[in-house]
Amino acid sequence: MQRQKGKKLLRERDYFFRNQKRLNYEYIKNENLPIGSGAMESAIRRLINMSLKEIAEGMIMLKSYFKSGRWDMLKRLALSSKHLIEG
């Protein structure tokens, strides 16, 4: 048990030595840089949520056309739009 505690302590100590340059909080504070990762995590979460929402909305629309028996109408509309874009 004592050996495991020693290994863990060395691992943690080594982490701080290896990352010493990243832990210069006084410099970061003076440069008005964010210390935490919250802003980045929030931005990523927002992008993922927006992407998933757009995909889900499209899937719901397709399902509604299929369920209401208007699938062929949607297919014709999509194909006619393709000709307008390409032509």
C-alpha atoms as a PDB file:
ATOM      1  CA  MET A   1       0.000   0.000   0.000  1.00  0.00           C
ATOM      2  CA  GLN A   2       2.814   2.402   0.904  1.00  0.00           C
ATOM      3  CA  ARG A   3       4.509   1.704  -2.448  1.00  0.00           C
ATOM      4  CA  GLN A   4       1.364   2.681  -4.386  1.00  0.00           C
ATOM      5  CA  LYS A   5       1.084   5.949  -2.478  1.00  0.00           C
ATOM      6  CA  GLY A   6       4.728   6.664  -3.285  1.00  0.00           C
ATOM      7  CA  LYS A   7       4.195   5.988  -6.996  1.00  0.00           C
ATOM      8  CA  LYS A   8       1.115   8.193  -7.083  1.00  0.00           C
ATOM      9  CA  LEU A   9       2.930  10.990  -5.290  1.00  0.00           C
ATOM     10  CA  LEU A  10       5.851  10.800  -7.735  1.00  0.00           C
ATOM     11  CA  ARG A  11       3.477  10.796 -10.691  1.00  0.00           C
ATOM     12  CA  GLU A  12       1.700  13.913  -9.404  1.00  0.00           C
ATOM     13  CA  ARG A  13       4.975  15.662  -8.627  1.00  0.00           C
ATOM     14  CA  ASP A  14       6.293  14.854 -12.102  1.00  0.00           C
ATOM     15  CA  TYR A  15       3.131  16.280 -13.638  1.00  0.00           C
ATOM     16  CA  PHE A  16       3.766  19.626 -11.985  1.00  0.00           C
ATOM     17  CA  PHE A  17       7.416  19.640 -13.045  1.00  0.00           C
ATOM     18  CA  ARG A  18       6.523  18.794 -16.663  1.00  0.00           C
ATOM     19  CA  ASN A  19       3.789  21.445 -16.827  1.00  0.00           C
ATOM     20  CA  GLN A  20       5.502  24.185 -14.851  1.00  0.00           C
ATOM     21  CA  LYS A  21       5.344  26.638 -17.792  1.00  0.00           C
ATOM     22  CA  ARG A  22       1.589  26.193 -18.052  1.00  0.00           C
ATOM     23  CA  LEU A  23       1.078  26.883 -14.365  1.00  0.00           C
ATOM     24  CA  ASN A  24       2.382  30.443 -14.368  1.00  0.00           C
ATOM     25  CA  TYR A  25      -0.846  31.935 -13.054  1.00  0.00           C
ATOM     26  CA  GLU A  26       0.625  35.349 -12.287  1.00  0.00           C
ATOM     27  CA  TYR A  27       1.662  35.827 -15.926  1.00  0.00           C
ATOM     28  CA  ILE A  28      -1.700  34.531 -17.169  1.00  0.00           C
ATOM     29  CA  LYS A  29      -3.556  36.876 -14.833  1.00  0.00           C
ATOM     30  CA  ASN A  30      -1.437  39.870 -15.909  1.00  0.00           C
ATOM     31  CA  GLU A  31      -2.154  39.074 -19.576  1.00  0.00           C
ATOM     32  CA  ASN A  32      -5.902  38.807 -18.826  1.00  0.00           C
ATOM     33  CA  LEU A  33      -5.978  35.285 -20.225  1.00  0.00           C
ATOM     34  CA  PRO A  34      -8.568  32.737 -19.068  1.00  0.00           C
ATOM     35  CA  ILE A  35      -7.248  30.359 -16.438  1.00  0.00           C
ATOM     36  CA  GLY A  36      -9.956  27.726 -16.701  1.00  0.00           C
ATOM     37  CA  SER A  37     -11.134  25.698 -19.664  1.00  0.00           C
ATOM     38  CA  GLY A  38     -14.773  26.710 -19.210  1.00  0.00           C
ATOM     39  CA  ALA A  39     -14.926  29.081 -22.183  1.00  0.00           C
ATOM     40  CA  MET A  40     -13.528  26.476 -24.566  1.00  0.00           C
ATOM     41  CA  GLU A  41     -15.743  23.714 -23.203  1.00  0.00           C
ATOM     42  CA  SER A  42     -18.788  25.950 -23.540  1.00  0.00           C
ATOM     43  CA  ALA A  43     -17.957  26.847 -27.146  1.00  0.00           C
ATOM     44  CA  ILE A  44     -17.483  23.193 -28.098  1.00  0.00           C
ATOM     45  CA  ARG A  45     -20.698  22.167 -26.355  1.00  0.00           C
ATOM     46  CA  ARG A  46     -22.573  24.941 -28.135  1.00  0.00           C
ATOM     47  CA  LEU A  47     -21.250  23.917 -31.566  1.00  0.00           C
ATOM     48  CA  ILE A  48     -22.123  20.278 -30.969  1.00  0.00           C
ATOM     49  CA  ASN A  49     -25.600  21.136 -29.710  1.00  0.00           C
ATOM     50  CA  MET A  50     -26.260  23.393 -32.695  1.00  0.00           C
ATOM     51  CA  SER A  51     -25.098  20.730 -35.152  1.00  0.00           C
ATOM     52  CA  LEU A  52     -27.163  18.013 -33.523  1.00  0.00           C
ATOM     53  CA  LYS A  53     -30.214  20.283 -33.414  1.00  0.00           C
ATOM     54  CA  GLU A  54     -29.941  21.024 -37.139  1.00  0.00           C
ATOM     55  CA  ILE A  55     -29.570  17.320 -37.972  1.00  0.00           C
ATOM     56  CA  ALA A  56     -32.498  16.393 -35.719  1.00  0.00           C
ATOM     57  CA  GLU A  57     -34.740  19.066 -37.273  1.00  0.00           C
ATOM     58  CA  GLY A  58     -33.954  17.744 -40.739  1.00  0.00           C
ATOM     59  CA  MET A  59     -34.669  14.168 -39.700  1.00  0.00           C
ATOM     60  CA  ILE A  60     -37.985  15.185 -38.127  1.00  0.00           C
ATOM     61  CA  MET A  61     -38.974  17.012 -41.313  1.00  0.00           C
ATOM     62  CA  LEU A  62     -38.106  13.970 -43.464  1.00  0.00           C
ATOM     63  CA  LYS A  63     -40.012  11.659 -41.128  1.00  0.00           C
ATOM     64  CA  SER A  64     -43.064  13.932 -41.211  1.00  0.00           C
ATOM     65  CA  TYR A  65     -43.100  13.892 -45.031  1.00  0.00           C
ATOM     66  CA  PHE A  66     -42.780  10.107 -45.037  1.00  0.00           C
ATOM     67  CA  LYS A  67     -45.461   9.525 -42.386  1.00  0.00           C
ATOM     68  CA  SER A  68     -47.919  11.902 -44.064  1.00  0.00           C
ATOM     69  CA  GLY A  69     -47.556  10.138 -47.431  1.00  0.00           C
ATOM     70  CA  ARG A  70     -45.853  13.138 -49.054  1.00  0.00           C
ATOM     71  CA  TRP A  71     -42.463  11.450 -49.630  1.00  0.00           C
ATOM     72  CA  ASP A  72     -42.838  11.436 -53.440  1.00  0.00           C
ATOM     73  CA  MET A  73     -43.733  15.125 -53.372  1.00  0.00           C
ATOM     74  CA  LEU A  74     -40.579  15.881 -51.376  1.00  0.00           C
ATOM     75  CA  LYS A  75     -38.496  13.778 -53.766  1.00  0.00           C
ATOM     76  CA  ARG A  76     -39.883  15.656 -56.796  1.00  0.00           C
ATOM     77  CA  LEU A  77     -39.262  18.976 -55.058  1.00  0.00           C
ATOM     78  CA  ALA A  78     -35.669  17.998 -54.249  1.00  0.00           C
ATOM     79  CA  LEU A  79     -34.988  16.870 -57.809  1.00  0.00           C
ATOM     80  CA  SER A  80     -36.537  19.993 -59.340  1.00  0.00           C
ATOM     81  CA  SER A  81     -34.442  22.170 -56.996  1.00  0.00           C
ATOM     82  CA  LYS A  82     -31.319  20.278 -58.073  1.00  0.00           C
ATOM     83  CA  HIS A  83     -32.006  21.190 -61.717  1.00  0.00           C
ATOM     84  CA  LEU A  84     -32.492  24.832 -60.750  1.00  0.00           C
ATOM     85  CA  ILE A  85     -29.156  24.882 -58.938  1.00  0.00           C
ATOM     86  CA  GLU A  86     -27.215  23.025 -61.639  1.00  0.00           C
ATOM     87  CA  GLY A  87     -28.943  24.652 -64.634  1.00  0.00           C
END
